Amino acid sequence: MVLSVVLAAFVLILPVELPDKTLFATLVLATRFPPLPVFVGVGAAFGLQTAIAVTAGSLLSLLPEALVSGVVAVLFLIGAVLLWRESRSGEEKEAEADQARERTSFVRAAAISFGVLFAAEWGDLSQLATAGLAARYAEPVSVFVGAWAALLVISGLAAFLGRKLADRLPLALLHRVAAGLFVVFAAIAVVETVRALVG
């Protein structure tokens, strides 16, 4: 393992993920489930995604950009609609969410968190950056360790901060904010799709 490559991957991936959809998706998951299973599920999804990106290397970057960004735009729009609809359910949903949080097993919460993040991370900038780093440095283990460490830092902050936010802010408000962010990310993906098709 090459420490400079680990550090390079960590330093590149950390700021890419900070304002990313993954952070907000993890925050929303943490409002529905306890933070530890969310962190475990999200961390496992990130680990698998990072391993796939490193293994595939430069092959992922060969996918048509327009196709990837178009699918991402549709997924974000669907996510925004679902979040908005959920936010309109009102106060009774918050009570139900608290009860569901208490009834949901660790394994189920972790599995849901894994599934959501695993699906959301496809075509993500950090995944493509990880693939590019793996192709550039030819040090797959070092790239994996650095990239996964950065993603774990972000998911840990989001999972544990998300629970604190849920205790202080109405769940409906968090869902509306997340829905708005998903719309923004969908718009960005549409712009990227158009650029890829025109360019």
N, C-alpha and C. Protein backbone atom coordinates (compact mmCIF):
# COMPACT_ATOMS: atom_id res chain seq x y z
N MET A 1 0.85 -1.17 0.00
CA MET A 1 0.00 0.00 0.00
C MET A 1 0.89 1.23 0.00
N VAL A 2 0.53 2.21 -0.83
CA VAL A 2 1.30 3.44 -0.97
C VAL A 2 0.53 4.56 -0.27
N LEU A 3 1.13 5.09 0.79
CA LEU A 3 0.45 6.09 1.61
C LEU A 3 0.11 7.36 0.84
N SER A 4 0.98 7.77 -0.09
CA SER A 4 0.70 9.00 -0.85
C SER A 4 -0.53 8.82 -1.75
N VAL A 5 -0.74 7.62 -2.27
CA VAL A 5 -1.91 7.34 -3.11
C VAL A 5 -3.17 7.29 -2.23
N VAL A 6 -3.07 6.68 -1.05
CA VAL A 6 -4.19 6.67 -0.10
C VAL A 6 -4.60 8.10 0.22
N LEU A 7 -3.61 8.94 0.52
CA LEU A 7 -3.89 10.33 0.86
C LEU A 7 -4.48 11.09 -0.32
N ALA A 8 -3.94 10.85 -1.52
CA ALA A 8 -4.46 11.53 -2.72
C ALA A 8 -5.92 11.15 -2.95
N ALA A 9 -6.25 9.88 -2.81
CA ALA A 9 -7.63 9.43 -3.01
C ALA A 9 -8.54 10.04 -1.95
N PHE A 10 -8.10 10.05 -0.70
CA PHE A 10 -8.90 10.61 0.38
C PHE A 10 -9.16 12.10 0.15
N VAL A 11 -8.11 12.84 -0.18
CA VAL A 11 -8.23 14.29 -0.37
C VAL A 11 -9.09 14.64 -1.58
N LEU A 12 -9.06 13.81 -2.61
CA LEU A 12 -9.88 14.07 -3.79
C LEU A 12 -11.35 13.73 -3.55
N ILE A 13 -11.61 12.62 -2.92
CA ILE A 13 -12.99 12.14 -2.76
C ILE A 13 -13.75 12.90 -1.68
N LEU A 14 -13.10 13.27 -0.59
CA LEU A 14 -13.80 13.92 0.52
C LEU A 14 -14.55 15.18 0.10
N PRO A 15 -13.91 16.15 -0.56
CA PRO A 15 -14.67 17.35 -0.94
C PRO A 15 -15.71 17.11 -2.04
N VAL A 16 -15.50 16.09 -2.86
CA VAL A 16 -16.47 15.77 -3.90
C VAL A 16 -17.78 15.31 -3.27
N GLU A 17 -17.70 14.56 -2.17
CA GLU A 17 -18.90 14.00 -1.53
C GLU A 17 -19.57 14.95 -0.56
N LEU A 18 -18.88 15.98 -0.09
CA LEU A 18 -19.48 16.86 0.93
C LEU A 18 -20.80 17.48 0.49
N PRO A 19 -20.88 18.11 -0.68
CA PRO A 19 -22.18 18.67 -1.06
C PRO A 19 -23.01 17.72 -1.91
N ASP A 20 -22.69 16.46 -1.89
CA ASP A 20 -23.25 15.50 -2.84
C ASP A 20 -24.60 14.95 -2.36
N LYS A 21 -25.32 14.36 -3.29
CA LYS A 21 -26.62 13.75 -3.02
C LYS A 21 -26.51 12.66 -1.98
N THR A 22 -25.38 11.97 -1.94
CA THR A 22 -25.18 10.89 -0.99
C THR A 22 -25.27 11.39 0.45
N LEU A 23 -24.70 12.55 0.70
CA LEU A 23 -24.77 13.14 2.03
C LEU A 23 -26.22 13.38 2.43
N PHE A 24 -27.01 13.93 1.53
CA PHE A 24 -28.40 14.24 1.83
C PHE A 24 -29.25 12.97 1.93
N ALA A 25 -28.96 11.99 1.09
CA ALA A 25 -29.70 10.73 1.19
C ALA A 25 -29.42 10.06 2.53
N THR A 26 -28.17 10.11 2.99
CA THR A 26 -27.81 9.53 4.29
C THR A 26 -28.49 10.30 5.42
N LEU A 27 -28.54 11.63 5.30
CA LEU A 27 -29.23 12.44 6.31
C LEU A 27 -30.70 12.03 6.41
N VAL A 28 -31.35 11.83 5.27
CA VAL A 28 -32.76 11.44 5.28
C VAL A 28 -32.93 10.05 5.90
N LEU A 29 -32.04 9.12 5.55
CA LEU A 29 -32.11 7.78 6.14
C LEU A 29 -31.97 7.85 7.65
N ALA A 30 -31.09 8.74 8.12
CA ALA A 30 -30.85 8.86 9.56
C ALA A 30 -32.04 9.47 10.30
N THR A 31 -32.95 10.11 9.57
CA THR A 31 -34.16 10.59 10.22
C THR A 31 -35.19 9.48 10.38
N ARG A 32 -35.01 8.41 9.65
CA ARG A 32 -35.97 7.30 9.68
C ARG A 32 -35.51 6.14 10.55
N PHE A 33 -34.19 5.96 10.67
CA PHE A 33 -33.62 4.82 11.38
C PHE A 33 -32.53 5.28 12.33
N PRO A 34 -32.16 4.44 13.30
CA PRO A 34 -31.05 4.79 14.19
C PRO A 34 -29.74 4.96 13.39
N PRO A 35 -28.84 5.80 13.88
CA PRO A 35 -27.64 6.12 13.11
C PRO A 35 -26.69 4.95 12.85
N LEU A 36 -26.53 4.04 13.80
CA LEU A 36 -25.55 2.97 13.62
C LEU A 36 -25.89 2.04 12.46
N PRO A 37 -27.13 1.51 12.35
CA PRO A 37 -27.41 0.67 11.18
C PRO A 37 -27.36 1.45 9.86
N VAL A 38 -27.72 2.73 9.89
CA VAL A 38 -27.59 3.55 8.68
C VAL A 38 -26.13 3.63 8.28
N PHE A 39 -25.26 3.92 9.25
CA PHE A 39 -23.82 4.01 8.97
C PHE A 39 -23.27 2.69 8.45
N VAL A 40 -23.67 1.59 9.07
CA VAL A 40 -23.20 0.26 8.63
C VAL A 40 -23.67 -0.03 7.20
N GLY A 41 -24.95 0.20 6.93
CA GLY A 41 -25.48 -0.06 5.59
C GLY A 41 -24.86 0.82 4.53
N VAL A 42 -24.77 2.12 4.83
CA VAL A 42 -24.18 3.07 3.89
C VAL A 42 -22.70 2.77 3.69
N GLY A 43 -22.00 2.47 4.78
CA GLY A 43 -20.57 2.15 4.68
C GLY A 43 -20.32 0.91 3.84
N ALA A 44 -21.18 -0.11 4.00
CA ALA A 44 -21.05 -1.33 3.20
C ALA A 44 -21.32 -1.04 1.72
N ALA A 45 -22.34 -0.21 1.46
CA ALA A 45 -22.63 0.16 0.07
C ALA A 45 -21.46 0.91 -0.55
N PHE A 46 -20.90 1.85 0.21
CA PHE A 46 -19.74 2.59 -0.27
C PHE A 46 -18.55 1.65 -0.52
N GLY A 47 -18.37 0.68 0.38
CA GLY A 47 -17.27 -0.27 0.21
C GLY A 47 -17.40 -1.06 -1.08
N LEU A 48 -18.62 -1.56 -1.33
CA LEU A 48 -18.86 -2.33 -2.55
C LEU A 48 -18.72 -1.45 -3.79
N GLN A 49 -19.29 -0.25 -3.73
CA GLN A 49 -19.19 0.67 -4.87
C GLN A 49 -17.74 1.05 -5.15
N THR A 50 -16.97 1.28 -4.09
CA THR A 50 -15.56 1.64 -4.27
C THR A 50 -14.79 0.47 -4.86
N ALA A 51 -15.08 -0.74 -4.39
CA ALA A 51 -14.42 -1.93 -4.94
C ALA A 51 -14.75 -2.11 -6.42
N ILE A 52 -16.01 -1.88 -6.77
CA ILE A 52 -16.41 -1.98 -8.18
C ILE A 52 -15.69 -0.92 -9.01
N ALA A 53 -15.65 0.30 -8.50
CA ALA A 53 -14.99 1.39 -9.24
C ALA A 53 -13.50 1.11 -9.43
N VAL A 54 -12.86 0.63 -8.38
CA VAL A 54 -11.43 0.33 -8.47
C VAL A 54 -11.19 -0.83 -9.43
N THR A 55 -12.03 -1.87 -9.32
CA THR A 55 -11.87 -3.04 -10.19
C THR A 55 -12.11 -2.67 -11.65
N ALA A 56 -13.15 -1.92 -11.89
CA ALA A 56 -13.46 -1.54 -13.27
C ALA A 56 -12.46 -0.53 -13.81
N GLY A 57 -11.89 0.28 -12.92
CA GLY A 57 -10.90 1.26 -13.34
C GLY A 57 -11.43 2.18 -14.41
N SER A 58 -10.72 2.30 -15.44
CA SER A 58 -11.09 3.23 -16.50
C SER A 58 -12.28 2.77 -17.34
N LEU A 59 -12.72 1.53 -17.18
CA LEU A 59 -13.86 1.04 -17.97
C LEU A 59 -15.15 1.81 -17.66
N LEU A 60 -15.34 2.19 -16.39
CA LEU A 60 -16.54 2.96 -16.04
C LEU A 60 -16.57 4.31 -16.74
N SER A 61 -15.41 4.89 -16.92
CA SER A 61 -15.37 6.21 -17.57
C SER A 61 -15.66 6.12 -19.06
N LEU A 62 -15.71 4.89 -19.61
CA LEU A 62 -16.01 4.72 -21.03
C LEU A 62 -17.52 4.66 -21.31
N LEU A 63 -18.32 4.54 -20.24
CA LEU A 63 -19.78 4.53 -20.45
C LEU A 63 -20.22 5.86 -21.04
N PRO A 64 -21.23 5.84 -21.89
CA PRO A 64 -21.71 7.10 -22.46
C PRO A 64 -22.20 8.05 -21.37
N GLU A 65 -21.61 9.21 -21.32
CA GLU A 65 -21.93 10.19 -20.28
C GLU A 65 -23.40 10.59 -20.31
N ALA A 66 -23.94 10.73 -21.51
CA ALA A 66 -25.35 11.14 -21.64
C ALA A 66 -26.29 10.10 -21.02
N LEU A 67 -26.00 8.83 -21.23
CA LEU A 67 -26.83 7.77 -20.68
C LEU A 67 -26.80 7.80 -19.16
N VAL A 68 -25.60 7.86 -18.59
CA VAL A 68 -25.45 7.86 -17.13
C VAL A 68 -26.16 9.06 -16.51
N SER A 69 -25.90 10.26 -17.03
CA SER A 69 -26.49 11.46 -16.44
C SER A 69 -28.00 11.51 -16.66
N GLY A 70 -28.49 10.97 -17.76
CA GLY A 70 -29.94 10.92 -17.99
C GLY A 70 -30.64 10.02 -17.00
N VAL A 71 -30.09 8.86 -16.74
CA VAL A 71 -30.67 7.93 -15.75
C VAL A 71 -30.63 8.56 -14.36
N VAL A 72 -29.51 9.21 -14.03
CA VAL A 72 -29.39 9.86 -12.73
C VAL A 72 -30.44 10.95 -12.58
N ALA A 73 -30.68 11.73 -13.63
CA ALA A 73 -31.69 12.80 -13.57
C ALA A 73 -33.07 12.22 -13.27
N VAL A 74 -33.43 11.14 -13.94
CA VAL A 74 -34.74 10.50 -13.72
C VAL A 74 -34.84 9.98 -12.28
N LEU A 75 -33.79 9.34 -11.80
CA LEU A 75 -33.80 8.82 -10.43
C LEU A 75 -33.98 9.94 -9.41
N PHE A 76 -33.30 11.06 -9.62
CA PHE A 76 -33.44 12.18 -8.69
C PHE A 76 -34.83 12.78 -8.73
N LEU A 77 -35.41 12.88 -9.91
CA LEU A 77 -36.77 13.42 -10.01
C LEU A 77 -37.76 12.51 -9.28
N ILE A 78 -37.61 11.21 -9.46
CA ILE A 78 -38.47 10.27 -8.76
C ILE A 78 -38.29 10.42 -7.25
N GLY A 79 -37.03 10.50 -6.82
CA GLY A 79 -36.75 10.67 -5.40
C GLY A 79 -37.34 11.96 -4.86
N ALA A 80 -37.26 13.04 -5.63
CA ALA A 80 -37.81 14.33 -5.19
C ALA A 80 -39.32 14.25 -5.03
N VAL A 81 -40.00 13.61 -5.99
CA VAL A 81 -41.45 13.47 -5.91
C VAL A 81 -41.85 12.65 -4.69
N LEU A 82 -41.14 11.55 -4.46
CA LEU A 82 -41.47 10.70 -3.31
C LEU A 82 -41.23 11.43 -1.99
N LEU A 83 -40.12 12.15 -1.90
CA LEU A 83 -39.83 12.90 -0.67
C LEU A 83 -40.87 13.99 -0.44
N TRP A 84 -41.26 14.69 -1.50
CA TRP A 84 -42.24 15.76 -1.35
C TRP A 84 -43.59 15.20 -0.91
N ARG A 85 -44.00 14.11 -1.53
CA ARG A 85 -45.28 13.49 -1.15
C ARG A 85 -45.25 13.05 0.31
N GLU A 86 -44.13 12.52 0.73
CA GLU A 86 -44.00 12.07 2.11
C GLU A 86 -44.04 13.25 3.08
N SER A 87 -43.47 14.37 2.68
CA SER A 87 -43.44 15.55 3.55
C SER A 87 -44.83 16.14 3.75
N ARG A 88 -45.73 15.90 2.81
CA ARG A 88 -47.08 16.48 2.88
C ARG A 88 -48.01 15.66 3.77
N SER A 89 -47.55 14.53 4.23
CA SER A 89 -48.42 13.67 5.04
C SER A 89 -48.70 14.24 6.41
N GLY A 90 -47.88 15.19 6.85
CA GLY A 90 -48.17 15.90 8.09
C GLY A 90 -47.57 15.30 9.33
N GLU A 91 -48.07 15.79 10.44
CA GLU A 91 -47.53 15.46 11.75
C GLU A 91 -47.70 13.99 12.11
N GLU A 92 -48.81 13.38 11.67
CA GLU A 92 -49.04 11.98 12.04
C GLU A 92 -47.93 11.08 11.50
N LYS A 93 -47.36 11.49 10.36
CA LYS A 93 -46.26 10.72 9.79
C LYS A 93 -45.05 10.73 10.71
N GLU A 94 -44.82 11.87 11.40
CA GLU A 94 -43.68 11.95 12.31
C GLU A 94 -43.84 10.96 13.45
N ALA A 95 -45.04 10.85 13.98
CA ALA A 95 -45.28 9.89 15.06
C ALA A 95 -45.11 8.46 14.54
N GLU A 96 -45.62 8.21 13.33
CA GLU A 96 -45.46 6.89 12.73
C GLU A 96 -43.98 6.59 12.47
N ALA A 97 -43.24 7.59 12.03
CA ALA A 97 -41.80 7.41 11.77
C ALA A 97 -41.06 7.07 13.05
N ASP A 98 -41.43 7.73 14.15
CA ASP A 98 -40.79 7.42 15.43
C ASP A 98 -41.08 5.98 15.83
N GLN A 99 -42.34 5.53 15.64
CA GLN A 99 -42.69 4.16 15.98
C GLN A 99 -41.98 3.18 15.05
N ALA A 100 -41.92 3.51 13.75
CA ALA A 100 -41.25 2.63 12.79
C ALA A 100 -39.76 2.52 13.11
N ARG A 101 -39.18 3.64 13.52
CA ARG A 101 -37.76 3.65 13.87
C ARG A 101 -37.51 2.70 15.03
N GLU A 102 -38.43 2.69 15.99
CA GLU A 102 -38.29 1.82 17.15
C GLU A 102 -38.50 0.36 16.77
N ARG A 103 -39.40 0.07 15.81
CA ARG A 103 -39.72 -1.31 15.44
C ARG A 103 -38.77 -1.91 14.42
N THR A 104 -38.04 -1.08 13.68
CA THR A 104 -37.19 -1.58 12.62
C THR A 104 -35.94 -2.23 13.20
N SER A 105 -35.67 -3.46 12.77
CA SER A 105 -34.49 -4.15 13.27
C SER A 105 -33.22 -3.53 12.70
N PHE A 106 -32.12 -3.79 13.38
CA PHE A 106 -30.82 -3.30 12.94
C PHE A 106 -30.52 -3.77 11.52
N VAL A 107 -30.73 -5.06 11.28
CA VAL A 107 -30.41 -5.64 9.97
C VAL A 107 -31.28 -5.03 8.87
N ARG A 108 -32.57 -4.85 9.16
CA ARG A 108 -33.46 -4.25 8.15
C ARG A 108 -33.08 -2.81 7.84
N ALA A 109 -32.80 -2.02 8.87
CA ALA A 109 -32.40 -0.63 8.66
C ALA A 109 -31.09 -0.55 7.88
N ALA A 110 -30.15 -1.42 8.22
CA ALA A 110 -28.87 -1.44 7.51
C ALA A 110 -29.07 -1.87 6.05
N ALA A 111 -29.95 -2.86 5.83
CA ALA A 111 -30.20 -3.34 4.46
C ALA A 111 -30.87 -2.27 3.61
N ILE A 112 -31.83 -1.56 4.19
CA ILE A 112 -32.49 -0.47 3.45
C ILE A 112 -31.48 0.62 3.12
N SER A 113 -30.66 0.98 4.09
CA SER A 113 -29.63 2.01 3.87
C SER A 113 -28.65 1.57 2.79
N PHE A 114 -28.26 0.30 2.83
CA PHE A 114 -27.35 -0.24 1.82
C PHE A 114 -27.99 -0.11 0.43
N GLY A 115 -29.24 -0.55 0.30
CA GLY A 115 -29.91 -0.54 -1.00
C GLY A 115 -30.06 0.86 -1.57
N VAL A 116 -30.47 1.80 -0.72
CA VAL A 116 -30.67 3.18 -1.19
C VAL A 116 -29.35 3.76 -1.68
N LEU A 117 -28.30 3.63 -0.88
CA LEU A 117 -27.03 4.25 -1.27
C LEU A 117 -26.35 3.51 -2.41
N PHE A 118 -26.51 2.20 -2.45
CA PHE A 118 -25.90 1.44 -3.54
C PHE A 118 -26.50 1.87 -4.87
N ALA A 119 -27.82 2.05 -4.90
CA ALA A 119 -28.49 2.49 -6.13
C ALA A 119 -28.15 3.94 -6.46
N ALA A 120 -28.09 4.78 -5.44
CA ALA A 120 -27.87 6.21 -5.68
C ALA A 120 -26.44 6.52 -6.13
N GLU A 121 -25.52 5.66 -5.79
CA GLU A 121 -24.11 5.98 -6.03
C GLU A 121 -23.66 5.67 -7.47
N TRP A 122 -24.48 4.95 -8.25
CA TRP A 122 -24.07 4.62 -9.62
C TRP A 122 -23.89 5.88 -10.45
N GLY A 123 -22.75 5.97 -11.13
CA GLY A 123 -22.48 7.11 -11.99
C GLY A 123 -22.11 8.36 -11.22
N ASP A 124 -21.93 8.21 -9.91
CA ASP A 124 -21.61 9.36 -9.07
C ASP A 124 -20.19 9.84 -9.38
N LEU A 125 -19.98 11.12 -9.13
CA LEU A 125 -18.68 11.73 -9.40
C LEU A 125 -17.57 11.03 -8.62
N SER A 126 -17.84 10.67 -7.37
CA SER A 126 -16.80 10.02 -6.58
C SER A 126 -16.47 8.63 -7.13
N GLN A 127 -17.46 7.95 -7.66
CA GLN A 127 -17.21 6.63 -8.24
C GLN A 127 -16.35 6.76 -9.50
N LEU A 128 -16.69 7.72 -10.33
CA LEU A 128 -15.90 7.94 -11.54
C LEU A 128 -14.48 8.43 -11.20
N ALA A 129 -14.39 9.29 -10.17
CA ALA A 129 -13.06 9.77 -9.75
C ALA A 129 -12.23 8.61 -9.21
N THR A 130 -12.86 7.72 -8.47
CA THR A 130 -12.15 6.55 -7.93
C THR A 130 -11.65 5.66 -9.07
N ALA A 131 -12.49 5.45 -10.07
CA ALA A 131 -12.08 4.65 -11.22
C ALA A 131 -10.91 5.30 -11.94
N GLY A 132 -10.97 6.61 -12.10
CA GLY A 132 -9.87 7.33 -12.74
C GLY A 132 -8.58 7.24 -11.95
N LEU A 133 -8.67 7.35 -10.64
CA LEU A 133 -7.49 7.23 -9.79
C LEU A 133 -6.89 5.83 -9.88
N ALA A 134 -7.76 4.82 -9.89
CA ALA A 134 -7.27 3.44 -9.99
C ALA A 134 -6.55 3.22 -11.31
N ALA A 135 -7.07 3.79 -12.38
CA ALA A 135 -6.43 3.66 -13.69
C ALA A 135 -5.11 4.43 -13.73
N ARG A 136 -5.08 5.59 -13.09
CA ARG A 136 -3.89 6.44 -13.15
C ARG A 136 -2.74 5.90 -12.32
N TYR A 137 -3.03 5.48 -11.09
CA TYR A 137 -1.95 5.09 -10.18
C TYR A 137 -1.59 3.61 -10.24
N ALA A 138 -2.46 2.77 -10.76
CA ALA A 138 -2.23 1.32 -10.79
C ALA A 138 -1.92 0.79 -9.39
N GLU A 139 -2.56 1.36 -8.40
CA GLU A 139 -2.44 0.94 -6.99
C GLU A 139 -3.86 0.74 -6.44
N PRO A 140 -4.54 -0.32 -6.85
CA PRO A 140 -5.95 -0.47 -6.51
C PRO A 140 -6.24 -0.51 -5.00
N VAL A 141 -5.38 -1.17 -4.23
CA VAL A 141 -5.63 -1.26 -2.78
C VAL A 141 -5.51 0.11 -2.13
N SER A 142 -4.50 0.87 -2.52
CA SER A 142 -4.30 2.20 -1.95
C SER A 142 -5.44 3.14 -2.32
N VAL A 143 -5.89 3.08 -3.57
CA VAL A 143 -7.01 3.92 -4.01
C VAL A 143 -8.27 3.52 -3.25
N PHE A 144 -8.50 2.22 -3.11
CA PHE A 144 -9.67 1.74 -2.39
C PHE A 144 -9.68 2.25 -0.95
N VAL A 145 -8.57 2.10 -0.25
CA VAL A 145 -8.50 2.52 1.15
C VAL A 145 -8.74 4.02 1.30
N GLY A 146 -8.10 4.82 0.46
CA GLY A 146 -8.27 6.27 0.54
C GLY A 146 -9.68 6.73 0.21
N ALA A 147 -10.24 6.19 -0.87
CA ALA A 147 -11.58 6.59 -1.30
C ALA A 147 -12.63 6.13 -0.29
N TRP A 148 -12.53 4.89 0.16
CA TRP A 148 -13.51 4.37 1.11
C TRP A 148 -13.44 5.11 2.44
N ALA A 149 -12.23 5.44 2.88
CA ALA A 149 -12.08 6.20 4.13
C ALA A 149 -12.79 7.56 4.03
N ALA A 150 -12.64 8.23 2.90
CA ALA A 150 -13.30 9.53 2.70
C ALA A 150 -14.82 9.36 2.74
N LEU A 151 -15.32 8.33 2.08
CA LEU A 151 -16.76 8.08 2.04
C LEU A 151 -17.31 7.69 3.42
N LEU A 152 -16.51 6.96 4.20
CA LEU A 152 -16.94 6.60 5.56
C LEU A 152 -17.01 7.83 6.46
N VAL A 153 -16.08 8.76 6.29
CA VAL A 153 -16.12 10.00 7.08
C VAL A 153 -17.41 10.76 6.78
N ILE A 154 -17.72 10.90 5.49
CA ILE A 154 -18.94 11.62 5.09
C ILE A 154 -20.19 10.91 5.59
N SER A 155 -20.26 9.59 5.41
CA SER A 155 -21.46 8.86 5.83
C SER A 155 -21.60 8.86 7.35
N GLY A 156 -20.50 8.81 8.07
CA GLY A 156 -20.56 8.88 9.53
C GLY A 156 -21.11 10.21 10.00
N LEU A 157 -20.60 11.29 9.43
CA LEU A 157 -21.09 12.62 9.78
C LEU A 157 -22.59 12.75 9.48
N ALA A 158 -22.98 12.28 8.30
CA ALA A 158 -24.38 12.41 7.89
C ALA A 158 -25.29 11.54 8.75
N ALA A 159 -24.88 10.31 9.04
CA ALA A 159 -25.73 9.40 9.81
C ALA A 159 -25.95 9.92 11.23
N PHE A 160 -24.90 10.38 11.86
CA PHE A 160 -25.04 10.81 13.25
C PHE A 160 -25.57 12.23 13.36
N LEU A 161 -25.26 13.08 12.38
CA LEU A 161 -25.82 14.43 12.34
C LEU A 161 -27.30 14.39 11.97
N GLY A 162 -27.66 13.47 11.08
CA GLY A 162 -29.04 13.35 10.64
C GLY A 162 -29.98 13.06 11.80
N ARG A 163 -29.56 12.22 12.71
CA ARG A 163 -30.38 11.91 13.87
C ARG A 163 -30.56 13.15 14.76
N LYS A 164 -29.50 13.91 14.93
CA LYS A 164 -29.58 15.14 15.73
C LYS A 164 -30.53 16.14 15.07
N LEU A 165 -30.44 16.25 13.75
CA LEU A 165 -31.35 17.14 13.03
C LEU A 165 -32.80 16.70 13.19
N ALA A 166 -33.03 15.41 13.14
CA ALA A 166 -34.39 14.89 13.26
C ALA A 166 -34.98 15.19 14.63
N ASP A 167 -34.12 15.24 15.64
CA ASP A 167 -34.60 15.56 16.99
C ASP A 167 -34.96 17.03 17.12
N ARG A 168 -34.38 17.90 16.30
CA ARG A 168 -34.58 19.34 16.44
C ARG A 168 -35.48 19.96 15.37
N LEU A 169 -35.57 19.30 14.22
CA LEU A 169 -36.34 19.86 13.10
C LEU A 169 -37.48 18.92 12.74
N PRO A 170 -38.58 19.46 12.25
CA PRO A 170 -39.69 18.60 11.81
C PRO A 170 -39.26 17.72 10.63
N LEU A 171 -39.68 16.47 10.68
CA LEU A 171 -39.35 15.52 9.62
C LEU A 171 -39.85 16.01 8.27
N ALA A 172 -41.03 16.62 8.24
CA ALA A 172 -41.59 17.11 6.98
C ALA A 172 -40.67 18.18 6.36
N LEU A 173 -40.12 19.04 7.20
CA LEU A 173 -39.21 20.08 6.70
C LEU A 173 -37.95 19.45 6.10
N LEU A 174 -37.38 18.47 6.79
CA LEU A 174 -36.20 17.79 6.25
C LEU A 174 -36.50 17.13 4.91
N HIS A 175 -37.68 16.53 4.79
CA HIS A 175 -38.05 15.88 3.53
C HIS A 175 -38.23 16.91 2.41
N ARG A 176 -38.80 18.06 2.74
CA ARG A 176 -38.97 19.10 1.72
C ARG A 176 -37.62 19.65 1.26
N VAL A 177 -36.72 19.88 2.22
CA VAL A 177 -35.38 20.37 1.87
C VAL A 177 -34.68 19.33 1.00
N ALA A 178 -34.75 18.07 1.40
CA ALA A 178 -34.12 17.01 0.61
C ALA A 178 -34.74 16.90 -0.78
N ALA A 179 -36.06 17.04 -0.86
CA ALA A 179 -36.73 17.00 -2.17
C ALA A 179 -36.24 18.13 -3.05
N GLY A 180 -36.10 19.33 -2.47
CA GLY A 180 -35.57 20.46 -3.23
C GLY A 180 -34.16 20.21 -3.73
N LEU A 181 -33.34 19.63 -2.86
CA LEU A 181 -31.97 19.31 -3.27
C LEU A 181 -31.95 18.26 -4.38
N PHE A 182 -32.84 17.29 -4.28
CA PHE A 182 -32.92 16.26 -5.32
C PHE A 182 -33.32 16.89 -6.66
N VAL A 183 -34.22 17.86 -6.62
CA VAL A 183 -34.60 18.56 -7.86
C VAL A 183 -33.39 19.29 -8.44
N VAL A 184 -32.62 19.94 -7.58
CA VAL A 184 -31.40 20.63 -8.05
C VAL A 184 -30.45 19.65 -8.69
N PHE A 185 -30.22 18.50 -8.02
CA PHE A 185 -29.31 17.50 -8.60
C PHE A 185 -29.86 16.93 -9.90
N ALA A 186 -31.18 16.77 -9.99
CA ALA A 186 -31.79 16.30 -11.24
C ALA A 186 -31.56 17.31 -12.36
N ALA A 187 -31.73 18.60 -12.03
CA ALA A 187 -31.50 19.65 -13.04
C ALA A 187 -30.05 19.65 -13.52
N ILE A 188 -29.13 19.48 -12.59
CA ILE A 188 -27.71 19.41 -12.97
C ILE A 188 -27.46 18.23 -13.88
N ALA A 189 -28.07 17.08 -13.55
CA ALA A 189 -27.90 15.89 -14.39
C ALA A 189 -28.50 16.10 -15.77
N VAL A 190 -29.63 16.81 -15.86
CA VAL A 190 -30.23 17.11 -17.17
C VAL A 190 -29.29 17.98 -17.99
N VAL A 191 -28.71 19.00 -17.34
CA VAL A 191 -27.75 19.87 -18.04
C VAL A 191 -26.55 19.05 -18.54
N GLU A 192 -26.06 18.15 -17.69
CA GLU A 192 -24.93 17.29 -18.10
C GLU A 192 -25.33 16.39 -19.27
N THR A 193 -26.56 15.90 -19.27
CA THR A 193 -27.04 15.04 -20.35
C THR A 193 -27.08 15.83 -21.66
N VAL A 194 -27.62 17.04 -21.60
CA VAL A 194 -27.71 17.88 -22.80
C VAL A 194 -26.31 18.21 -23.32
N ARG A 195 -25.41 18.57 -22.41
CA ARG A 195 -24.03 18.87 -22.83
C ARG A 195 -23.37 17.67 -23.51
N ALA A 196 -23.60 16.49 -22.92
CA ALA A 196 -23.00 15.27 -23.48
C ALA A 196 -23.58 14.97 -24.86
N LEU A 197 -24.88 15.21 -25.04
CA LEU A 197 -25.50 14.95 -26.33
C LEU A 197 -25.09 15.97 -27.39
N VAL A 198 -24.94 17.23 -26.95
CA VAL A 198 -24.56 18.29 -27.91
C VAL A 198 -23.07 18.22 -28.23
N GLY A 199 -22.28 17.97 -27.15
CA GLY A 199 -20.82 17.98 -27.33
C GLY A 199 -20.32 16.73 -27.86
